[in-house]
Amino acid sequence: MYSLSKFPIQIPKSKTRFVLLFLASIILILSGIWLLINPGGEVPYFFGSKISLRITAILSILFFGVKAVYLFVKLVDKTPGLEISEYGITDHSGKADAGLIKWDDINDIHVISIFHDRILMIILNNPEAYITRQTNQFAKKAMEMNYRLYGSPVGLSSIGLKINFTSLKILIEQSFRRYKLADI
């Protein structure tokens, strides 16, 4: 499917996940609107009162409204999820995008499993530099946590990409050997 003879290799984002999450957000927004407009007679026990019900409805509309806008932007975004070139790996696959990871900055690559999801951990020479350059505070915290728990702030998964994990692993490892290890 992908060949190392043609660079850069661009792997598109999987739109299926974004579509499903977008539809779920719309349903939850509509549910919040329905609860706000038509709270009904008897309030379910877990809401406690009509005021709690209305607050929950408003929070649902706001939270999932923001999420729906984010997902819509991701759906129309044409940027590839991952790009592999002679310079390195450019990651735009998730919420904590690492950007360009130069081959010179990579020490090693290994696989971890989290709840049956396999992730390629990119072991970096200077992981703090990748955390520091992250401008999104949520993404920065996620990278810090990844570094503490798994030894690297950067992990690549095939979940949000149009490629299976085995093919992604082979592409990254072959490119790493070709561009990083060839220079040593």
N, C-alpha and C. Protein backbone atom coordinates (compact mmCIF):
# COMPACT_ATOMS: atom_id res chain seq x y z
N MET A 1 0.82 -1.19 0.00
CA MET A 1 0.00 0.00 0.00
C MET A 1 0.86 1.25 0.00
N TYR A 2 1.80 1.35 0.95
CA TYR A 2 2.71 2.49 1.00
C TYR A 2 4.11 1.98 0.67
N SER A 3 4.86 2.79 -0.07
CA SER A 3 6.19 2.39 -0.50
C SER A 3 7.23 3.39 -0.02
N LEU A 4 8.36 2.87 0.45
CA LEU A 4 9.45 3.74 0.89
C LEU A 4 10.16 4.41 -0.28
N SER A 5 9.87 3.97 -1.51
CA SER A 5 10.53 4.58 -2.66
C SER A 5 9.90 5.92 -3.03
N LYS A 6 8.73 6.20 -2.53
CA LYS A 6 8.04 7.46 -2.83
C LYS A 6 7.91 8.28 -1.55
N PHE A 7 8.68 9.35 -1.46
CA PHE A 7 8.60 10.22 -0.28
C PHE A 7 8.06 11.57 -0.67
N PRO A 8 7.38 12.28 0.16
CA PRO A 8 6.97 11.83 1.49
C PRO A 8 5.79 10.87 1.41
N ILE A 9 5.68 10.01 2.41
CA ILE A 9 4.53 9.12 2.55
C ILE A 9 3.50 9.86 3.39
N GLN A 10 2.32 10.05 2.85
CA GLN A 10 1.26 10.74 3.59
C GLN A 10 0.15 9.75 3.92
N ILE A 11 -0.14 9.64 5.20
CA ILE A 11 -1.20 8.75 5.67
C ILE A 11 -2.36 9.61 6.13
N PRO A 12 -3.51 9.51 5.45
CA PRO A 12 -4.65 10.36 5.82
C PRO A 12 -5.27 9.95 7.16
N LYS A 13 -6.01 10.88 7.74
CA LYS A 13 -6.74 10.61 8.96
C LYS A 13 -7.96 9.76 8.62
N SER A 14 -8.35 8.93 9.57
CA SER A 14 -9.57 8.14 9.42
C SER A 14 -10.76 9.02 9.80
N LYS A 15 -11.65 9.26 8.86
CA LYS A 15 -12.80 10.13 9.11
C LYS A 15 -13.93 9.40 9.83
N THR A 16 -13.94 8.07 9.80
CA THR A 16 -15.02 7.29 10.41
C THR A 16 -15.20 7.63 11.88
N ARG A 17 -14.11 7.66 12.62
CA ARG A 17 -14.17 7.96 14.05
C ARG A 17 -14.72 9.36 14.30
N PHE A 18 -14.25 10.32 13.49
CA PHE A 18 -14.72 11.71 13.64
C PHE A 18 -16.22 11.82 13.32
N VAL A 19 -16.68 11.11 12.30
CA VAL A 19 -18.10 11.15 11.94
C VAL A 19 -18.95 10.59 13.07
N LEU A 20 -18.54 9.45 13.63
CA LEU A 20 -19.32 8.83 14.71
C LEU A 20 -19.36 9.73 15.96
N LEU A 21 -18.22 10.31 16.31
CA LEU A 21 -18.18 11.21 17.47
C LEU A 21 -18.98 12.48 17.21
N PHE A 22 -18.92 12.98 15.97
CA PHE A 22 -19.70 14.17 15.62
C PHE A 22 -21.20 13.89 15.75
N LEU A 23 -21.63 12.75 15.23
CA LEU A 23 -23.06 12.39 15.32
C LEU A 23 -23.49 12.20 16.78
N ALA A 24 -22.63 11.58 17.58
CA ALA A 24 -22.94 11.42 19.01
C ALA A 24 -23.06 12.78 19.69
N SER A 25 -22.18 13.71 19.34
CA SER A 25 -22.24 15.06 19.91
C SER A 25 -23.55 15.76 19.54
N ILE A 26 -23.96 15.63 18.29
CA ILE A 26 -25.22 16.24 17.83
C ILE A 26 -26.40 15.65 18.61
N ILE A 27 -26.40 14.35 18.79
CA ILE A 27 -27.49 13.70 19.55
C ILE A 27 -27.52 14.22 20.98
N LEU A 28 -26.34 14.38 21.61
CA LEU A 28 -26.30 14.88 22.98
C LEU A 28 -26.68 16.36 23.07
N ILE A 29 -26.36 17.13 22.05
CA ILE A 29 -26.80 18.53 22.01
C ILE A 29 -28.33 18.58 21.91
N LEU A 30 -28.89 17.78 21.01
CA LEU A 30 -30.34 17.74 20.86
C LEU A 30 -31.03 17.26 22.14
N SER A 31 -30.41 16.29 22.82
CA SER A 31 -30.96 15.82 24.10
C SER A 31 -30.95 16.94 25.13
N GLY A 32 -29.87 17.71 25.16
CA GLY A 32 -29.79 18.84 26.08
C GLY A 32 -30.84 19.88 25.77
N ILE A 33 -31.06 20.18 24.49
CA ILE A 33 -32.08 21.14 24.08
C ILE A 33 -33.46 20.63 24.49
N TRP A 34 -33.72 19.34 24.25
CA TRP A 34 -35.00 18.76 24.60
C TRP A 34 -35.25 18.85 26.11
N LEU A 35 -34.20 18.53 26.92
CA LEU A 35 -34.34 18.63 28.38
C LEU A 35 -34.60 20.07 28.82
N LEU A 36 -34.00 21.01 28.13
CA LEU A 36 -34.16 22.42 28.48
C LEU A 36 -35.56 22.93 28.13
N ILE A 37 -36.04 22.56 26.96
CA ILE A 37 -37.34 23.04 26.48
C ILE A 37 -38.49 22.27 27.13
N ASN A 38 -38.32 20.98 27.28
CA ASN A 38 -39.41 20.12 27.74
C ASN A 38 -38.95 19.26 28.92
N PRO A 39 -38.77 19.85 30.10
CA PRO A 39 -38.28 19.06 31.23
C PRO A 39 -39.29 18.05 31.76
N GLY A 40 -40.54 18.13 31.34
CA GLY A 40 -41.55 17.17 31.77
C GLY A 40 -42.01 17.40 33.19
N GLY A 41 -42.83 16.50 33.69
CA GLY A 41 -43.41 16.67 35.02
C GLY A 41 -42.48 16.16 36.12
N GLU A 42 -42.19 14.88 36.11
CA GLU A 42 -41.41 14.24 37.17
C GLU A 42 -39.93 14.27 36.80
N VAL A 43 -39.10 14.78 37.70
CA VAL A 43 -37.66 14.85 37.46
C VAL A 43 -37.01 13.55 37.93
N PRO A 44 -36.21 12.89 37.07
CA PRO A 44 -35.54 11.66 37.51
C PRO A 44 -34.71 11.91 38.78
N TYR A 45 -34.60 10.88 39.59
CA TYR A 45 -33.95 10.97 40.90
C TYR A 45 -32.52 11.53 40.82
N PHE A 46 -31.73 11.08 39.83
CA PHE A 46 -30.32 11.48 39.77
C PHE A 46 -30.13 12.96 39.44
N PHE A 47 -31.14 13.67 38.96
CA PHE A 47 -31.03 15.12 38.74
C PHE A 47 -31.36 15.90 40.01
N GLY A 48 -32.21 15.37 40.85
CA GLY A 48 -32.53 16.02 42.11
C GLY A 48 -33.63 17.07 42.01
N SER A 49 -33.47 18.03 41.11
CA SER A 49 -34.46 19.10 40.97
C SER A 49 -34.48 19.58 39.52
N LYS A 50 -35.47 20.40 39.21
CA LYS A 50 -35.57 20.95 37.86
C LYS A 50 -34.40 21.89 37.56
N ILE A 51 -33.90 22.56 38.58
CA ILE A 51 -32.74 23.45 38.38
C ILE A 51 -31.52 22.62 37.99
N SER A 52 -31.29 21.50 38.68
CA SER A 52 -30.17 20.61 38.33
C SER A 52 -30.33 20.06 36.92
N LEU A 53 -31.56 19.74 36.57
CA LEU A 53 -31.85 19.24 35.23
C LEU A 53 -31.51 20.29 34.18
N ARG A 54 -31.91 21.54 34.41
CA ARG A 54 -31.63 22.63 33.46
C ARG A 54 -30.13 22.91 33.37
N ILE A 55 -29.44 22.90 34.50
CA ILE A 55 -27.98 23.12 34.50
C ILE A 55 -27.30 22.01 33.70
N THR A 56 -27.71 20.77 33.91
CA THR A 56 -27.15 19.64 33.16
C THR A 56 -27.42 19.80 31.67
N ALA A 57 -28.62 20.23 31.31
CA ALA A 57 -28.97 20.43 29.91
C ALA A 57 -28.10 21.52 29.28
N ILE A 58 -27.91 22.63 29.98
CA ILE A 58 -27.08 23.73 29.46
C ILE A 58 -25.63 23.29 29.32
N LEU A 59 -25.10 22.59 30.33
CA LEU A 59 -23.71 22.10 30.25
C LEU A 59 -23.54 21.11 29.10
N SER A 60 -24.54 20.27 28.90
CA SER A 60 -24.50 19.32 27.79
C SER A 60 -24.45 20.04 26.44
N ILE A 61 -25.30 21.05 26.29
CA ILE A 61 -25.33 21.83 25.04
C ILE A 61 -23.99 22.52 24.81
N LEU A 62 -23.44 23.14 25.86
CA LEU A 62 -22.17 23.87 25.72
C LEU A 62 -21.01 22.92 25.43
N PHE A 63 -20.87 21.88 26.25
CA PHE A 63 -19.74 20.96 26.11
C PHE A 63 -19.76 20.26 24.75
N PHE A 64 -20.89 19.66 24.42
CA PHE A 64 -20.96 18.91 23.17
C PHE A 64 -21.06 19.83 21.96
N GLY A 65 -21.49 21.08 22.17
CA GLY A 65 -21.45 22.07 21.09
C GLY A 65 -20.02 22.39 20.70
N VAL A 66 -19.18 22.62 21.71
CA VAL A 66 -17.76 22.88 21.45
C VAL A 66 -17.11 21.65 20.81
N LYS A 67 -17.43 20.47 21.32
CA LYS A 67 -16.88 19.22 20.78
C LYS A 67 -17.32 19.03 19.32
N ALA A 68 -18.58 19.34 19.02
CA ALA A 68 -19.09 19.19 17.65
C ALA A 68 -18.35 20.13 16.69
N VAL A 69 -18.09 21.35 17.12
CA VAL A 69 -17.35 22.30 16.27
C VAL A 69 -15.93 21.77 16.02
N TYR A 70 -15.26 21.31 17.08
CA TYR A 70 -13.90 20.74 16.96
C TYR A 70 -13.91 19.57 15.98
N LEU A 71 -14.87 18.67 16.13
CA LEU A 71 -14.94 17.49 15.26
C LEU A 71 -15.26 17.88 13.82
N PHE A 72 -16.12 18.88 13.62
CA PHE A 72 -16.43 19.34 12.27
C PHE A 72 -15.17 19.89 11.59
N VAL A 73 -14.39 20.67 12.33
CA VAL A 73 -13.14 21.21 11.79
C VAL A 73 -12.21 20.07 11.40
N LYS A 74 -12.12 19.04 12.24
CA LYS A 74 -11.28 17.88 11.93
C LYS A 74 -11.79 17.13 10.70
N LEU A 75 -13.11 17.09 10.53
CA LEU A 75 -13.68 16.40 9.38
C LEU A 75 -13.34 17.08 8.05
N VAL A 76 -13.33 18.40 8.04
CA VAL A 76 -13.05 19.12 6.79
C VAL A 76 -11.56 19.39 6.58
N ASP A 77 -10.75 19.13 7.60
CA ASP A 77 -9.31 19.34 7.52
C ASP A 77 -8.67 18.33 6.56
N LYS A 78 -7.91 18.81 5.60
CA LYS A 78 -7.28 17.95 4.60
C LYS A 78 -5.83 17.58 4.95
N THR A 79 -5.33 18.07 6.08
CA THR A 79 -3.96 17.77 6.49
C THR A 79 -3.82 16.28 6.74
N PRO A 80 -2.75 15.64 6.21
CA PRO A 80 -2.58 14.21 6.49
C PRO A 80 -2.36 13.98 7.99
N GLY A 81 -2.80 12.84 8.46
CA GLY A 81 -2.62 12.52 9.87
C GLY A 81 -1.16 12.28 10.22
N LEU A 82 -0.43 11.70 9.29
CA LEU A 82 0.98 11.39 9.52
C LEU A 82 1.72 11.51 8.19
N GLU A 83 2.91 12.08 8.25
CA GLU A 83 3.75 12.17 7.06
C GLU A 83 5.13 11.66 7.43
N ILE A 84 5.65 10.77 6.60
CA ILE A 84 6.98 10.21 6.81
C ILE A 84 7.85 10.67 5.65
N SER A 85 8.97 11.32 5.97
CA SER A 85 9.86 11.82 4.93
C SER A 85 11.31 11.56 5.34
N GLU A 86 12.22 12.01 4.49
CA GLU A 86 13.64 11.85 4.81
C GLU A 86 14.05 12.72 6.00
N TYR A 87 13.21 13.68 6.38
CA TYR A 87 13.51 14.56 7.52
C TYR A 87 13.03 13.98 8.84
N GLY A 88 11.96 13.19 8.79
CA GLY A 88 11.41 12.63 10.01
C GLY A 88 9.94 12.29 9.86
N ILE A 89 9.26 12.26 10.99
CA ILE A 89 7.83 11.93 11.05
C ILE A 89 7.09 13.20 11.45
N THR A 90 6.10 13.60 10.67
CA THR A 90 5.27 14.75 11.04
C THR A 90 3.92 14.20 11.50
N ASP A 91 3.63 14.43 12.77
CA ASP A 91 2.43 13.87 13.40
C ASP A 91 1.35 14.93 13.57
N HIS A 92 0.21 14.67 12.91
CA HIS A 92 -1.01 15.48 13.07
C HIS A 92 -2.19 14.55 13.28
N SER A 93 -1.94 13.44 14.00
CA SER A 93 -2.93 12.38 14.08
C SER A 93 -3.90 12.48 15.24
N GLY A 94 -3.59 13.28 16.24
CA GLY A 94 -4.47 13.31 17.41
C GLY A 94 -4.53 14.66 18.07
N LYS A 95 -4.98 14.67 19.31
CA LYS A 95 -5.11 15.92 20.05
C LYS A 95 -3.77 16.47 20.48
N ALA A 96 -2.82 15.58 20.73
CA ALA A 96 -1.48 16.00 21.16
C ALA A 96 -0.50 15.81 20.00
N ASP A 97 -0.75 16.53 18.91
CA ASP A 97 0.13 16.42 17.74
C ASP A 97 1.54 16.81 18.12
N ALA A 98 2.49 15.99 17.71
CA ALA A 98 3.89 16.26 18.02
C ALA A 98 4.56 17.15 16.96
N GLY A 99 3.93 17.29 15.79
CA GLY A 99 4.56 18.05 14.71
C GLY A 99 5.70 17.24 14.12
N LEU A 100 6.73 17.92 13.63
CA LEU A 100 7.87 17.23 13.02
C LEU A 100 8.77 16.63 14.09
N ILE A 101 8.98 15.33 13.98
CA ILE A 101 9.92 14.61 14.86
C ILE A 101 11.08 14.21 13.95
N LYS A 102 12.19 14.89 14.09
CA LYS A 102 13.34 14.64 13.21
C LYS A 102 13.97 13.29 13.54
N TRP A 103 14.47 12.62 12.48
CA TRP A 103 15.11 11.32 12.68
C TRP A 103 16.27 11.44 13.66
N ASP A 104 17.00 12.56 13.61
CA ASP A 104 18.13 12.76 14.51
C ASP A 104 17.72 12.82 15.98
N ASP A 105 16.46 13.18 16.24
CA ASP A 105 15.97 13.29 17.62
C ASP A 105 15.47 11.96 18.18
N ILE A 106 15.38 10.93 17.33
CA ILE A 106 14.82 9.65 17.76
C ILE A 106 15.95 8.69 18.15
N ASN A 107 15.84 8.14 19.37
CA ASN A 107 16.80 7.13 19.85
C ASN A 107 16.33 5.72 19.52
N ASP A 108 15.04 5.49 19.71
CA ASP A 108 14.51 4.13 19.58
C ASP A 108 13.00 4.19 19.36
N ILE A 109 12.46 3.07 18.95
CA ILE A 109 11.02 2.94 18.76
C ILE A 109 10.62 1.60 19.36
N HIS A 110 9.61 1.62 20.21
CA HIS A 110 9.09 0.34 20.72
C HIS A 110 7.57 0.40 20.87
N VAL A 111 6.98 -0.79 21.02
CA VAL A 111 5.53 -0.93 21.06
C VAL A 111 5.07 -1.15 22.50
N ILE A 112 4.00 -0.44 22.87
CA ILE A 112 3.33 -0.69 24.14
C ILE A 112 1.87 -0.98 23.85
N SER A 113 1.19 -1.58 24.80
CA SER A 113 -0.24 -1.84 24.68
C SER A 113 -0.96 -1.18 25.84
N ILE A 114 -2.02 -0.44 25.51
CA ILE A 114 -2.87 0.18 26.52
C ILE A 114 -4.30 -0.24 26.19
N PHE A 115 -4.91 -1.04 27.06
CA PHE A 115 -6.27 -1.52 26.84
C PHE A 115 -6.46 -2.10 25.44
N HIS A 116 -5.58 -2.97 25.03
CA HIS A 116 -5.64 -3.67 23.74
C HIS A 116 -5.32 -2.77 22.54
N ASP A 117 -4.97 -1.52 22.76
CA ASP A 117 -4.54 -0.65 21.66
C ASP A 117 -3.02 -0.62 21.65
N ARG A 118 -2.44 -0.90 20.50
CA ARG A 118 -0.99 -0.86 20.39
C ARG A 118 -0.54 0.54 19.97
N ILE A 119 0.54 0.99 20.58
CA ILE A 119 1.05 2.34 20.33
C ILE A 119 2.55 2.24 20.12
N LEU A 120 3.04 2.94 19.09
CA LEU A 120 4.47 3.05 18.86
C LEU A 120 5.00 4.21 19.69
N MET A 121 5.82 3.92 20.66
CA MET A 121 6.43 4.98 21.47
C MET A 121 7.73 5.39 20.79
N ILE A 122 7.86 6.68 20.55
CA ILE A 122 9.03 7.24 19.89
C ILE A 122 9.94 7.78 21.00
N ILE A 123 11.02 7.08 21.26
CA ILE A 123 11.95 7.45 22.33
C ILE A 123 12.88 8.54 21.78
N LEU A 124 12.86 9.70 22.44
CA LEU A 124 13.55 10.89 21.94
C LEU A 124 14.81 11.20 22.73
N ASN A 125 15.77 11.88 22.06
CA ASN A 125 16.98 12.37 22.73
C ASN A 125 16.64 13.42 23.77
N ASN A 126 15.75 14.33 23.40
CA ASN A 126 15.40 15.45 24.28
C ASN A 126 13.88 15.58 24.36
N PRO A 127 13.24 14.72 25.15
CA PRO A 127 11.78 14.73 25.21
C PRO A 127 11.21 16.04 25.75
N GLU A 128 11.94 16.69 26.64
CA GLU A 128 11.46 17.95 27.22
C GLU A 128 11.24 19.01 26.15
N ALA A 129 12.08 19.01 25.12
CA ALA A 129 11.94 19.99 24.03
C ALA A 129 10.61 19.84 23.31
N TYR A 130 10.16 18.59 23.13
CA TYR A 130 8.88 18.35 22.46
C TYR A 130 7.71 18.74 23.35
N ILE A 131 7.86 18.55 24.65
CA ILE A 131 6.81 18.96 25.58
C ILE A 131 6.74 20.48 25.64
N THR A 132 7.88 21.13 25.72
CA THR A 132 7.95 22.59 25.84
C THR A 132 7.38 23.29 24.62
N ARG A 133 7.61 22.77 23.43
CA ARG A 133 7.14 23.44 22.21
C ARG A 133 5.64 23.28 21.99
N GLN A 134 4.99 22.42 22.77
CA GLN A 134 3.54 22.22 22.65
C GLN A 134 2.81 23.43 23.22
N THR A 135 1.98 24.09 22.42
CA THR A 135 1.27 25.30 22.85
C THR A 135 -0.08 25.00 23.50
N ASN A 136 -0.70 23.89 23.13
CA ASN A 136 -1.98 23.51 23.70
C ASN A 136 -1.74 22.92 25.09
N GLN A 137 -2.31 23.53 26.14
CA GLN A 137 -2.06 23.10 27.51
C GLN A 137 -2.57 21.69 27.78
N PHE A 138 -3.71 21.32 27.21
CA PHE A 138 -4.23 19.96 27.37
C PHE A 138 -3.24 18.96 26.76
N ALA A 139 -2.78 19.25 25.55
CA ALA A 139 -1.84 18.36 24.86
C ALA A 139 -0.51 18.29 25.61
N LYS A 140 -0.07 19.42 26.17
CA LYS A 140 1.17 19.45 26.94
C LYS A 140 1.07 18.53 28.16
N LYS A 141 -0.06 18.59 28.87
CA LYS A 141 -0.27 17.73 30.04
C LYS A 141 -0.31 16.25 29.62
N ALA A 142 -0.94 15.97 28.49
CA ALA A 142 -1.00 14.60 28.00
C ALA A 142 0.41 14.10 27.66
N MET A 143 1.22 14.96 27.04
CA MET A 143 2.59 14.57 26.70
C MET A 143 3.43 14.35 27.96
N GLU A 144 3.25 15.20 28.96
CA GLU A 144 3.97 15.02 30.23
C GLU A 144 3.60 13.69 30.89
N MET A 145 2.31 13.36 30.86
CA MET A 145 1.86 12.10 31.43
C MET A 145 2.42 10.90 30.66
N ASN A 146 2.40 10.98 29.33
CA ASN A 146 2.98 9.92 28.50
C ASN A 146 4.46 9.73 28.84
N TYR A 147 5.17 10.82 29.01
CA TYR A 147 6.60 10.75 29.32
C TYR A 147 6.83 10.06 30.67
N ARG A 148 6.04 10.45 31.68
CA ARG A 148 6.17 9.83 33.01
C ARG A 148 5.82 8.33 32.98
N LEU A 149 4.75 8.00 32.30
CA LEU A 149 4.26 6.61 32.33
C LEU A 149 4.96 5.68 31.35
N TYR A 150 5.32 6.20 30.16
CA TYR A 150 5.80 5.31 29.10
C TYR A 150 7.19 5.65 28.57
N GLY A 151 7.83 6.68 29.13
CA GLY A 151 9.20 7.00 28.74
C GLY A 151 9.35 7.91 27.54
N SER A 152 8.25 8.37 26.98
CA SER A 152 8.30 9.29 25.85
C SER A 152 7.02 10.10 25.78
N PRO A 153 7.14 11.38 25.41
CA PRO A 153 5.92 12.19 25.24
C PRO A 153 5.19 11.88 23.94
N VAL A 154 5.85 11.17 23.04
CA VAL A 154 5.29 10.95 21.70
C VAL A 154 4.97 9.47 21.49
N GLY A 155 3.69 9.21 21.24
CA GLY A 155 3.24 7.87 20.89
C GLY A 155 2.37 7.96 19.64
N LEU A 156 2.55 7.01 18.74
CA LEU A 156 1.79 7.00 17.49
C LEU A 156 0.88 5.78 17.46
N SER A 157 -0.39 6.04 17.21
CA SER A 157 -1.38 4.97 17.13
C SER A 157 -2.00 4.98 15.74
N SER A 158 -2.48 3.85 15.31
CA SER A 158 -3.13 3.78 13.99
C SER A 158 -4.64 4.04 14.10
N ILE A 159 -5.15 4.23 15.31
CA ILE A 159 -6.59 4.37 15.51
C ILE A 159 -7.20 5.50 14.69
N GLY A 160 -6.56 6.66 14.66
CA GLY A 160 -7.10 7.80 13.93
C GLY A 160 -6.58 7.92 12.51
N LEU A 161 -5.91 6.86 12.02
CA LEU A 161 -5.30 6.91 10.69
C LEU A 161 -5.87 5.84 9.78
N LYS A 162 -5.75 6.05 8.48
CA LYS A 162 -6.20 5.06 7.50
C LYS A 162 -5.06 4.10 7.19
N ILE A 163 -4.66 3.38 8.22
CA ILE A 163 -3.61 2.37 8.09
C ILE A 163 -3.74 1.45 9.29
N ASN A 164 -3.41 0.18 9.10
CA ASN A 164 -3.46 -0.71 10.26
C ASN A 164 -2.14 -0.60 11.03
N PHE A 165 -2.15 -1.07 12.27
CA PHE A 165 -0.99 -0.88 13.14
C PHE A 165 0.26 -1.57 12.59
N THR A 166 0.11 -2.78 12.10
CA THR A 166 1.28 -3.52 11.60
C THR A 166 1.95 -2.77 10.45
N SER A 167 1.16 -2.26 9.51
CA SER A 167 1.72 -1.51 8.38
C SER A 167 2.39 -0.22 8.86
N LEU A 168 1.76 0.47 9.83
CA LEU A 168 2.35 1.69 10.39
C LEU A 168 3.70 1.37 11.04
N LYS A 169 3.74 0.33 11.82
CA LYS A 169 4.98 -0.08 12.52
C LYS A 169 6.09 -0.39 11.51
N ILE A 170 5.76 -1.15 10.49
CA ILE A 170 6.75 -1.50 9.46
C ILE A 170 7.27 -0.25 8.77
N LEU A 171 6.38 0.66 8.37
CA LEU A 171 6.79 1.90 7.69
C LEU A 171 7.72 2.74 8.56
N ILE A 172 7.34 2.92 9.82
CA ILE A 172 8.14 3.75 10.73
C ILE A 172 9.50 3.09 10.97
N GLU A 173 9.50 1.79 11.25
CA GLU A 173 10.76 1.09 11.54
C GLU A 173 11.69 1.07 10.32
N GLN A 174 11.14 0.82 9.14
CA GLN A 174 11.97 0.82 7.92
C GLN A 174 12.53 2.21 7.64
N SER A 175 11.71 3.22 7.82
CA SER A 175 12.17 4.59 7.60
C SER A 175 13.24 4.97 8.63
N PHE A 176 13.05 4.55 9.86
CA PHE A 176 14.03 4.81 10.93
C PHE A 176 15.37 4.17 10.57
N ARG A 177 15.34 2.91 10.14
CA ARG A 177 16.59 2.24 9.74
C ARG A 177 17.22 2.94 8.54
N ARG A 178 16.40 3.34 7.61
CA ARG A 178 16.90 3.95 6.37
C ARG A 178 17.56 5.31 6.63
N TYR A 179 16.92 6.14 7.45
CA TYR A 179 17.41 7.52 7.60
C TYR A 179 18.20 7.77 8.87
N LYS A 180 17.89 7.13 9.94
CA LYS A 180 18.60 7.37 11.20
C LYS A 180 19.81 6.45 11.32
N LEU A 181 19.56 5.16 11.23
CA LEU A 181 20.64 4.21 11.47
C LEU A 181 21.67 4.21 10.34
N ALA A 182 21.29 4.64 9.14
CA ALA A 182 22.23 4.70 8.03
C ALA A 182 23.30 5.77 8.27
N ASP A 183 22.94 6.80 9.07
CA ASP A 183 23.89 7.89 9.34
C ASP A 183 24.90 7.55 10.44
N ILE A 184 24.62 6.50 11.22
CA ILE A 184 25.49 6.17 12.36
C ILE A 184 26.71 5.43 11.92
